[in-house]
PDB file of N, CA and C in Angstrom:
ATOM      1  N   MET A   1       9.042  81.877  46.860  1.00  0.00           N
ATOM      2  CA  MET A   1      10.237  81.254  46.323  1.00  0.00           C
ATOM      3  C   MET A   1       9.975  79.809  45.919  1.00  0.00           C
ATOM      4  N   THR A   2       9.312  79.047  46.745  1.00  0.00           N
ATOM      5  CA  THR A   2       9.031  77.646  46.407  1.00  0.00           C
ATOM      6  C   THR A   2       8.035  77.555  45.252  1.00  0.00           C
ATOM      7  N   LYS A   3       7.136  78.538  45.192  1.00  0.00           N
ATOM      8  CA  LYS A   3       6.173  78.553  44.079  1.00  0.00           C
ATOM      9  C   LYS A   3       6.906  78.720  42.755  1.00  0.00           C
ATOM     10  N   HIS A   4       7.909  79.559  42.735  1.00  0.00           N
ATOM     11  CA  HIS A   4       8.696  79.790  41.521  1.00  0.00           C
ATOM     12  C   HIS A   4       9.462  78.528  41.112  1.00  0.00           C
ATOM     13  N   ILE A   5      10.010  77.802  42.052  1.00  0.00           N
ATOM     14  CA  ILE A   5      10.757  76.570  41.773  1.00  0.00           C
ATOM     15  C   ILE A   5       9.824  75.487  41.240  1.00  0.00           C
ATOM     16  N   VAL A   6       8.665  75.349  41.872  1.00  0.00           N
ATOM     17  CA  VAL A   6       7.681  74.349  41.438  1.00  0.00           C
ATOM     18  C   VAL A   6       7.187  74.690  40.036  1.00  0.00           C
ATOM     19  N   ASN A   7       6.951  75.954  39.782  1.00  0.00           N
ATOM     20  CA  ASN A   7       6.484  76.403  38.472  1.00  0.00           C
ATOM     21  C   ASN A   7       7.519  76.094  37.392  1.00  0.00           C
ATOM     22  N   ARG A   8       8.803  76.340  37.700  1.00  0.00           N
ATOM     23  CA  ARG A   8       9.881  76.059  36.754  1.00  0.00           C
ATOM     24  C   ARG A   8       9.995  74.549  36.505  1.00  0.00           C
ATOM     25  N   TYR A   9       9.823  73.753  37.534  1.00  0.00           N
ATOM     26  CA  TYR A   9       9.898  72.289  37.410  1.00  0.00           C
ATOM     27  C   TYR A   9       8.800  71.778  36.467  1.00  0.00           C
ATOM     28  N   TYR A  10       7.574  72.263  36.643  1.00  0.00           N
ATOM     29  CA  TYR A  10       6.482  71.827  35.779  1.00  0.00           C
ATOM     30  C   TYR A  10       6.647  72.340  34.343  1.00  0.00           C
ATOM     31  N   ARG A  11       7.200  73.525  34.203  1.00  0.00           N
ATOM     32  CA  ARG A  11       7.454  74.071  32.880  1.00  0.00           C
ATOM     33  C   ARG A  11       8.483  73.219  32.136  1.00  0.00           C
ATOM     34  N   GLN A  12       9.547  72.789  32.814  1.00  0.00           N
ATOM     35  CA  GLN A  12      10.555  71.927  32.190  1.00  0.00           C
ATOM     36  C   GLN A  12       9.964  70.573  31.836  1.00  0.00           C
ATOM     37  N   LYS A  13       9.122  70.041  32.724  1.00  0.00           N
ATOM     38  CA  LYS A  13       8.494  68.756  32.462  1.00  0.00           C
ATOM     39  C   LYS A  13       7.548  68.857  31.255  1.00  0.00           C
ATOM     40  N   LEU A  14       6.824  69.975  31.189  1.00  0.00           N
ATOM     41  CA  LEU A  14       5.902  70.189  30.081  1.00  0.00           C
ATOM     42  C   LEU A  14       6.666  70.295  28.753  1.00  0.00           C
ATOM     43  N   LYS A  15       7.765  71.022  28.735  1.00  0.00           N
ATOM     44  CA  LYS A  15       8.577  71.136  27.525  1.00  0.00           C
ATOM     45  C   LYS A  15       9.093  69.771  27.084  1.00  0.00           C
ATOM     46  N   LYS A  16       9.524  68.954  28.059  1.00  0.00           N
ATOM     47  CA  LYS A  16      10.034  67.631  27.737  1.00  0.00           C
ATOM     48  C   LYS A  16       8.927  66.753  27.161  1.00  0.00           C
ATOM     49  N   SER A  17       7.749  66.797  27.739  1.00  0.00           N
ATOM     50  CA  SER A  17       6.653  65.962  27.236  1.00  0.00           C
ATOM     51  C   SER A  17       6.172  66.440  25.861  1.00  0.00           C
ATOM     52  N   ILE A  18       6.196  67.748  25.625  1.00  0.00           N
ATOM     53  CA  ILE A  18       5.812  68.266  24.296  1.00  0.00           C
ATOM     54  C   ILE A  18       6.830  67.821  23.250  1.00  0.00           C
ATOM     55  N   ARG A  19       8.122  67.859  23.609  1.00  0.00           N
ATOM     56  CA  ARG A  19       9.152  67.385  22.684  1.00  0.00           C
ATOM     57  C   ARG A  19       8.974  65.906  22.371  1.00  0.00           C
ATOM     58  N   GLN A  20       8.705  65.100  23.397  1.00  0.00           N
ATOM     59  CA  GLN A  20       8.501  63.664  23.181  1.00  0.00           C
ATOM     60  C   GLN A  20       7.287  63.412  22.295  1.00  0.00           C
ATOM     61  N   MET A  21       6.211  64.140  22.527  1.00  0.00           N
ATOM     62  CA  MET A  21       5.011  63.978  21.711  1.00  0.00           C
ATOM     63  C   MET A  21       5.291  64.367  20.251  1.00  0.00           C
ATOM     64  N   ALA A  22       6.035  65.429  20.056  1.00  0.00           N
ATOM     65  CA  ALA A  22       6.366  65.864  18.694  1.00  0.00           C
ATOM     66  C   ALA A  22       7.206  64.812  17.979  1.00  0.00           C
ATOM     67  N   VAL A  23       8.140  64.197  18.691  1.00  0.00           N
ATOM     68  CA  VAL A  23       8.975  63.152  18.091  1.00  0.00           C
ATOM     69  C   VAL A  23       8.118  61.947  17.712  1.00  0.00           C
ATOM     70  N   TRP A  24       7.210  61.531  18.590  1.00  0.00           N
ATOM     71  CA  TRP A  24       6.345  60.378  18.290  1.00  0.00           C
ATOM     72  C   TRP A  24       5.402  60.667  17.116  1.00  0.00           C
ATOM     73  N   ILE A  25       4.886  61.880  17.039  1.00  0.00           N
ATOM     74  CA  ILE A  25       4.026  62.251  15.910  1.00  0.00           C
ATOM     75  C   ILE A  25       4.826  62.235  14.616  1.00  0.00           C
ATOM     76  N   LEU A  26       6.059  62.728  14.654  1.00  0.00           N
ATOM     77  CA  LEU A  26       6.912  62.712  13.469  1.00  0.00           C
ATOM     78  C   LEU A  26       7.201  61.285  13.028  1.00  0.00           C
ATOM     79  N   ILE A  27       7.532  60.411  13.969  1.00  0.00           N
ATOM     80  CA  ILE A  27       7.814  59.007  13.627  1.00  0.00           C
ATOM     81  C   ILE A  27       6.570  58.338  13.048  1.00  0.00           C
ATOM     82  N   ALA A  28       5.417  58.564  13.671  1.00  0.00           N
ATOM     83  CA  ALA A  28       4.174  57.961  13.181  1.00  0.00           C
ATOM     84  C   ALA A  28       3.828  58.454  11.779  1.00  0.00           C
ATOM     85  N   SER A  29       4.008  59.749  11.516  1.00  0.00           N
ATOM     86  CA  SER A  29       3.680  60.276  10.185  1.00  0.00           C
ATOM     87  C   SER A  29       4.639  59.749   9.125  1.00  0.00           C
ATOM     88  N   ILE A  30       5.892  59.572   9.465  1.00  0.00           N
ATOM     89  CA  ILE A  30       6.850  58.999   8.505  1.00  0.00           C
ATOM     90  C   ILE A  30       6.483  57.551   8.201  1.00  0.00           C
ATOM     91  N   ILE A  31       6.154  56.773   9.235  1.00  0.00           N
ATOM     92  CA  ILE A  31       5.765  55.371   9.020  1.00  0.00           C
ATOM     93  C   ILE A  31       4.490  55.304   8.177  1.00  0.00           C
ATOM     94  N   TRP A  32       3.532  56.170   8.469  1.00  0.00           N
ATOM     95  CA  TRP A  32       2.267  56.186   7.719  1.00  0.00           C
ATOM     96  C   TRP A  32       2.521  56.531   6.249  1.00  0.00           C
ATOM     97  N   THR A  33       3.352  57.507   5.994  1.00  0.00           N
ATOM     98  CA  THR A  33       3.662  57.904   4.618  1.00  0.00           C
ATOM     99  C   THR A  33       4.355  56.779   3.861  1.00  0.00           C
ATOM    100  N   VAL A  34       5.340  56.145   4.494  1.00  0.00           N
ATOM    101  CA  VAL A  34       6.055  55.041   3.845  1.00  0.00           C
ATOM    102  C   VAL A  34       5.104  53.891   3.549  1.00  0.00           C
ATOM    103  N   PHE A  35       4.243  53.550   4.496  1.00  0.00           N
ATOM    104  CA  PHE A  35       3.281  52.470   4.283  1.00  0.00           C
ATOM    105  C   PHE A  35       2.299  52.806   3.166  1.00  0.00           C
ATOM    106  N   SER A  36       1.833  54.049   3.099  1.00  0.00           N
ATOM    107  CA  SER A  36       0.899  54.461   2.040  1.00  0.00           C
ATOM    108  C   SER A  36       1.543  54.370   0.664  1.00  0.00           C
ATOM    109  N   ILE A  37       2.786  54.813   0.560  1.00  0.00           N
ATOM    110  CA  ILE A  37       3.500  54.736  -0.724  1.00  0.00           C
ATOM    111  C   ILE A  37       3.725  53.286  -1.113  1.00  0.00           C
ATOM    112  N   TYR A  38       4.115  52.453  -0.158  1.00  0.00           N
ATOM    113  CA  TYR A  38       4.342  51.034  -0.432  1.00  0.00           C
ATOM    114  C   TYR A  38       3.062  50.348  -0.903  1.00  0.00           C
ATOM    115  N   SER A  39       1.950  50.616  -0.226  1.00  0.00           N
ATOM    116  CA  SER A  39       0.700  49.967  -0.622  1.00  0.00           C
ATOM    117  C   SER A  39       0.196  50.487  -1.970  1.00  0.00           C
ATOM    118  N   ALA A  40       0.444  51.764  -2.273  1.00  0.00           N
ATOM    119  CA  ALA A  40       0.021  52.314  -3.557  1.00  0.00           C
ATOM    120  C   ALA A  40       0.829  51.719  -4.709  1.00  0.00           C
ATOM    121  N   LEU A  41       2.113  51.472  -4.479  1.00  0.00           N
ATOM    122  CA  LEU A  41       2.957  50.920  -5.537  1.00  0.00           C
ATOM    123  C   LEU A  41       2.697  49.430  -5.761  1.00  0.00           C
ATOM    124  N   ASN A  42       2.283  48.706  -4.738  1.00  0.00           N
ATOM    125  CA  ASN A  42       2.069  47.271  -4.867  1.00  0.00           C
ATOM    126  C   ASN A  42       0.632  46.902  -5.207  1.00  0.00           C
ATOM    127  N   LYS A  43      -0.252  47.875  -5.256  1.00  0.00           N
ATOM    128  CA  LYS A  43      -1.651  47.614  -5.563  1.00  0.00           C
ATOM    129  C   LYS A  43      -1.815  47.479  -7.079  1.00  0.00           C
ATOM    130  N   ALA A  44      -2.495  46.416  -7.491  1.00  0.00           N
ATOM    131  CA  ALA A  44      -2.722  46.201  -8.921  1.00  0.00           C
ATOM    132  C   ALA A  44      -3.751  47.217  -9.418  1.00  0.00           C
ATOM    133  N   ALA A  45      -3.535  47.694 -10.618  1.00  0.00           N
ATOM    134  CA  ALA A  45      -4.451  48.662 -11.205  1.00  0.00           C
ATOM    135  C   ALA A  45      -5.742  47.965 -11.601  1.00  0.00           C
ATOM    136  N   GLU A  46      -6.862  48.547 -11.170  1.00  0.00           N
ATOM    137  CA  GLU A  46      -8.164  47.986 -11.503  1.00  0.00           C
ATOM    138  C   GLU A  46      -8.742  48.768 -12.674  1.00  0.00           C
ATOM    139  N   ILE A  47      -8.800  48.114 -13.819  1.00  0.00           N
ATOM    140  CA  ILE A  47      -9.320  48.764 -15.016  1.00  0.00           C
ATOM    141  C   ILE A  47     -10.607  48.061 -15.409  1.00  0.00           C
ATOM    142  N   SER A  48     -11.678  48.821 -15.518  1.00  0.00           N
ATOM    143  CA  SER A  48     -12.943  48.235 -15.956  1.00  0.00           C
ATOM    144  C   SER A  48     -13.334  48.871 -17.292  1.00  0.00           C
ATOM    145  N   ILE A  49     -13.495  48.027 -18.282  1.00  0.00           N
ATOM    146  CA  ILE A  49     -13.842  48.489 -19.622  1.00  0.00           C
ATOM    147  C   ILE A  49     -15.183  47.873 -19.988  1.00  0.00           C
ATOM    148  N   ASP A  50     -16.095  48.706 -20.508  1.00  0.00           N
ATOM    149  CA  ASP A  50     -17.408  48.209 -20.922  1.00  0.00           C
ATOM    150  C   ASP A  50     -17.255  47.209 -22.055  1.00  0.00           C
ATOM    151  N   LYS A  51     -18.149  46.229 -22.072  1.00  0.00           N
ATOM    152  CA  LYS A  51     -18.088  45.217 -23.116  1.00  0.00           C
ATOM    153  C   LYS A  51     -18.422  45.800 -24.488  1.00  0.00           C
ATOM    154  N   GLU A  52     -19.213  46.876 -24.519  1.00  0.00           N
ATOM    155  CA  GLU A  52     -19.547  47.516 -25.804  1.00  0.00           C
ATOM    156  C   GLU A  52     -18.302  48.076 -26.476  1.00  0.00           C
ATOM    157  N   ILE A  53     -17.386  48.576 -25.684  1.00  0.00           N
ATOM    158  CA  ILE A  53     -16.163  49.143 -26.249  1.00  0.00           C
ATOM    159  C   ILE A  53     -15.280  48.042 -26.814  1.00  0.00           C
ATOM    160  N   LEU A  54     -15.303  46.882 -26.184  1.00  0.00           N
ATOM    161  CA  LEU A  54     -14.450  45.783 -26.624  1.00  0.00           C
ATOM    162  C   LEU A  54     -14.994  45.059 -27.859  1.00  0.00           C
ATOM    163  N   ASN A  55     -16.276  45.256 -28.162  1.00  0.00           N
ATOM    164  CA  ASN A  55     -16.850  44.609 -29.346  1.00  0.00           C
ATOM    165  C   ASN A  55     -16.203  45.167 -30.610  1.00  0.00           C
ATOM    166  N   PRO A  56     -16.000  44.323 -31.620  1.00  0.00           N
ATOM    167  CA  PRO A  56     -15.399  44.829 -32.859  1.00  0.00           C
ATOM    168  C   PRO A  56     -16.342  45.794 -33.579  1.00  0.00           C
ATOM    169  N   ILE A  57     -15.735  46.712 -34.314  1.00  0.00           N
ATOM    170  CA  ILE A  57     -16.506  47.707 -35.060  1.00  0.00           C
ATOM    171  C   ILE A  57     -16.952  47.103 -36.381  1.00  0.00           C
ATOM    172  N   SER A  58     -18.200  47.334 -36.704  1.00  0.00           N
ATOM    173  CA  SER A  58     -18.730  46.821 -37.967  1.00  0.00           C
ATOM    174  C   SER A  58     -18.259  47.713 -39.113  1.00  0.00           C
ATOM    175  N   ILE A  59     -17.929  47.105 -40.255  1.00  0.00           N
ATOM    176  CA  ILE A  59     -17.450  47.881 -41.386  1.00  0.00           C
ATOM    177  C   ILE A  59     -18.577  48.266 -42.338  1.00  0.00           C
ATOM    178  N   LYS A  60     -19.790  47.825 -42.066  1.00  0.00           N
ATOM    179  CA  LYS A  60     -20.926  48.190 -42.922  1.00  0.00           C
ATOM    180  C   LYS A  60     -21.395  49.596 -42.577  1.00  0.00           C
ATOM    181  N   PHE A  61     -21.878  50.302 -43.611  1.00  0.00           N
ATOM    182  CA  PHE A  61     -22.464  51.625 -43.387  1.00  0.00           C
ATOM    183  C   PHE A  61     -23.841  51.450 -42.789  1.00  0.00           C
ATOM    184  N   ASP A  62     -24.140  52.244 -41.789  1.00  0.00           N
ATOM    185  CA  ASP A  62     -25.460  52.241 -41.187  1.00  0.00           C
ATOM    186  C   ASP A  62     -26.297  53.280 -41.922  1.00  0.00           C
ATOM    187  N   VAL A  63     -27.170  52.819 -42.788  1.00  0.00           N
ATOM    188  CA  VAL A  63     -27.945  53.708 -43.645  1.00  0.00           C
ATOM    189  C   VAL A  63     -28.896  54.563 -42.817  1.00  0.00           C
ATOM    190  N   ASP A  64     -29.478  53.995 -41.774  1.00  0.00           N
ATOM    191  CA  ASP A  64     -30.408  54.767 -40.940  1.00  0.00           C
ATOM    192  C   ASP A  64     -29.702  55.946 -40.275  1.00  0.00           C
ATOM    193  N   THR A  65     -28.513  55.735 -39.794  1.00  0.00           N
ATOM    194  CA  THR A  65     -27.765  56.813 -39.155  1.00  0.00           C
ATOM    195  C   THR A  65     -27.406  57.888 -40.168  1.00  0.00           C
ATOM    196  N   LEU A  66     -27.046  57.488 -41.384  1.00  0.00           N
ATOM    197  CA  LEU A  66     -26.738  58.468 -42.426  1.00  0.00           C
ATOM    198  C   LEU A  66     -27.966  59.302 -42.779  1.00  0.00           C
ATOM    199  N   LYS A  67     -29.136  58.689 -42.822  1.00  0.00           N
ATOM    200  CA  LYS A  67     -30.368  59.436 -43.116  1.00  0.00           C
ATOM    201  C   LYS A  67     -30.681  60.411 -41.988  1.00  0.00           C
ATOM    202  N   GLN A  68     -30.462  60.006 -40.761  1.00  0.00           N
ATOM    203  CA  GLN A  68     -30.697  60.909 -39.626  1.00  0.00           C
ATOM    204  C   GLN A  68     -29.755  62.100 -39.678  1.00  0.00           C
ATOM    205  N   LEU A  69     -28.527  61.867 -40.090  1.00  0.00           N
ATOM    206  CA  LEU A  69     -27.570  62.967 -40.196  1.00  0.00           C
ATOM    207  C   LEU A  69     -27.973  63.954 -41.284  1.00  0.00           C
ATOM    208  N   GLU A  70     -28.518  63.463 -42.374  1.00  0.00           N
ATOM    209  CA  GLU A  70     -28.944  64.340 -43.466  1.00  0.00           C
ATOM    210  C   GLU A  70     -30.157  65.168 -43.067  1.00  0.00           C
ATOM    211  N   GLN A  71     -30.998  64.645 -42.197  1.00  0.00           N
ATOM    212  CA  GLN A  71     -32.220  65.340 -41.825  1.00  0.00           C
ATOM    213  C   GLN A  71     -31.994  66.385 -40.723  1.00  0.00           C
ATOM    214  N   ARG A  72     -30.854  66.434 -40.138  1.00  0.00           N
ATOM    215  CA  ARG A  72     -30.586  67.418 -39.090  1.00  0.00           C
ATOM    216  C   ARG A  72     -30.632  68.832 -39.654  1.00  0.00           C
ATOM    217  N   GLN A  73     -31.031  69.758 -38.794  1.00  0.00           N
ATOM    218  CA  GLN A  73     -31.031  71.151 -39.223  1.00  0.00           C
ATOM    219  C   GLN A  73     -29.606  71.652 -39.291  1.00  0.00           C
ATOM    220  N   LYS A  74     -29.380  72.494 -40.277  1.00  0.00           N
ATOM    221  CA  LYS A  74     -28.061  73.094 -40.397  1.00  0.00           C
ATOM    222  C   LYS A  74     -28.063  74.445 -39.688  1.00  0.00           C
ATOM    223  N   LEU A  75     -26.940  74.816 -39.097  1.00  0.00           N
ATOM    224  CA  LEU A  75     -26.820  76.094 -38.413  1.00  0.00           C
ATOM    225  C   LEU A  75     -26.765  77.231 -39.424  1.00  0.00           C
ATOM    226  N   PRO A  76     -27.341  78.374 -39.073  1.00  0.00           N
ATOM    227  CA  PRO A  76     -27.215  79.535 -39.962  1.00  0.00           C
ATOM    228  C   PRO A  76     -25.751  79.956 -40.075  1.00  0.00           C
ATOM    229  N   LYS A  77     -25.422  80.566 -41.194  1.00  0.00           N
ATOM    230  CA  LYS A  77     -24.029  80.949 -41.418  1.00  0.00           C
ATOM    231  C   LYS A  77     -23.589  82.074 -40.486  1.00  0.00           C
ATOM    232  N   ASN A  78     -24.473  83.049 -40.267  1.00  0.00           N
ATOM    233  CA  ASN A  78     -24.118  84.197 -39.420  1.00  0.00           C
ATOM    234  C   ASN A  78     -24.745  84.009 -38.042  1.00  0.00           C
ATOM    235  N   ILE A  79     -23.939  83.632 -37.088  1.00  0.00           N
ATOM    236  CA  ILE A  79     -24.434  83.428 -35.728  1.00  0.00           C
ATOM    237  C   ILE A  79     -23.699  84.379 -34.799  1.00  0.00           C
ATOM    238  N   ASN A  80     -24.479  85.108 -34.011  1.00  0.00           N
ATOM    239  CA  ASN A  80     -23.889  85.951 -32.985  1.00  0.00           C
ATOM    240  C   ASN A  80     -23.833  85.110 -31.720  1.00  0.00           C
ATOM    241  N   TRP A  81     -22.681  84.541 -31.422  1.00  0.00           N
ATOM    242  CA  TRP A  81     -22.536  83.612 -30.312  1.00  0.00           C
ATOM    243  C   TRP A  81     -22.676  84.292 -28.953  1.00  0.00           C
ATOM    244  N   LEU A  82     -22.474  85.593 -28.901  1.00  0.00           N
ATOM    245  CA  LEU A  82     -22.594  86.304 -27.627  1.00  0.00           C
ATOM    246  C   LEU A  82     -24.051  86.459 -27.203  1.00  0.00           C
ATOM    247  N   ASP A  83     -24.962  86.624 -28.164  1.00  0.00           N
ATOM    248  CA  ASP A  83     -26.384  86.798 -27.854  1.00  0.00           C
ATOM    249  C   ASP A  83     -27.155  85.497 -27.927  1.00  0.00           C
ATOM    250  N   ASN A  84     -26.531  84.433 -28.399  1.00  0.00           N
ATOM    251  CA  ASN A  84     -27.184  83.140 -28.609  1.00  0.00           C
ATOM    252  C   ASN A  84     -28.373  83.253 -29.548  1.00  0.00           C
ATOM    253  N   GLU A  85     -28.306  84.155 -30.498  1.00  0.00           N
ATOM    254  CA  GLU A  85     -29.352  84.313 -31.501  1.00  0.00           C
ATOM    255  C   GLU A  85     -28.702  84.325 -32.876  1.00  0.00           C
ATOM    256  N   ALA A  86     -29.451  83.856 -33.864  1.00  0.00           N
ATOM    257  CA  ALA A  86     -28.950  83.924 -35.229  1.00  0.00           C
ATOM    258  C   ALA A  86     -29.074  85.353 -35.714  1.00  0.00           C
ATOM    259  N   SER A  87     -27.996  85.931 -36.170  1.00  0.00           N
ATOM    260  CA  SER A  87     -28.059  87.307 -36.658  1.00  0.00           C
ATOM    261  C   SER A  87     -28.642  87.311 -38.058  1.00  0.00           C
ATOM    262  N   SER A  88     -29.320  88.396 -38.353  1.00  0.00           N
ATOM    263  CA  SER A  88     -29.966  88.474 -39.664  1.00  0.00           C
ATOM    264  C   SER A  88     -28.915  88.727 -40.742  1.00  0.00           C
ATOM    265  N   SER A  89     -29.234  88.296 -41.943  1.00  0.00           N
ATOM    266  CA  SER A  89     -28.278  88.455 -43.036  1.00  0.00           C
ATOM    267  C   SER A  89     -28.246  89.876 -43.573  1.00  0.00           C
ATOM    268  N   SER A  90     -29.175  90.757 -43.089  1.00  0.00           N
ATOM    269  CA  SER A  90     -29.208  92.130 -43.578  1.00  0.00           C
ATOM    270  C   SER A  90     -28.167  93.011 -42.897  1.00  0.00           C
ATOM    271  N   ARG A  91     -27.525  92.574 -41.857  1.00  0.00           N
ATOM    272  CA  ARG A  91     -26.503  93.362 -41.160  1.00  0.00           C
ATOM    273  C   ARG A  91     -25.308  93.577 -41.993  1.00  0.00           C
TER     274      ARG A  91
END
């Protein structure tokens, strides 16, 4: 009989401590979430842009680049993209 009473007492105490722990975890997670949102909204955006992009574009034609483009191989007209081979024109 006393074992049953002691067991019930510890069970009630355990339930109470689990409830208290759950409440503290909930409060801590709410505070953490609010702080994270606040810090994310107040943080300045860090944007890094390469200096090459910021340089003005030249309006002169680059003759060397145009010659390189002309010398490139052209793709065959009939390409079987599934086999990654140029299909013959006799098909």
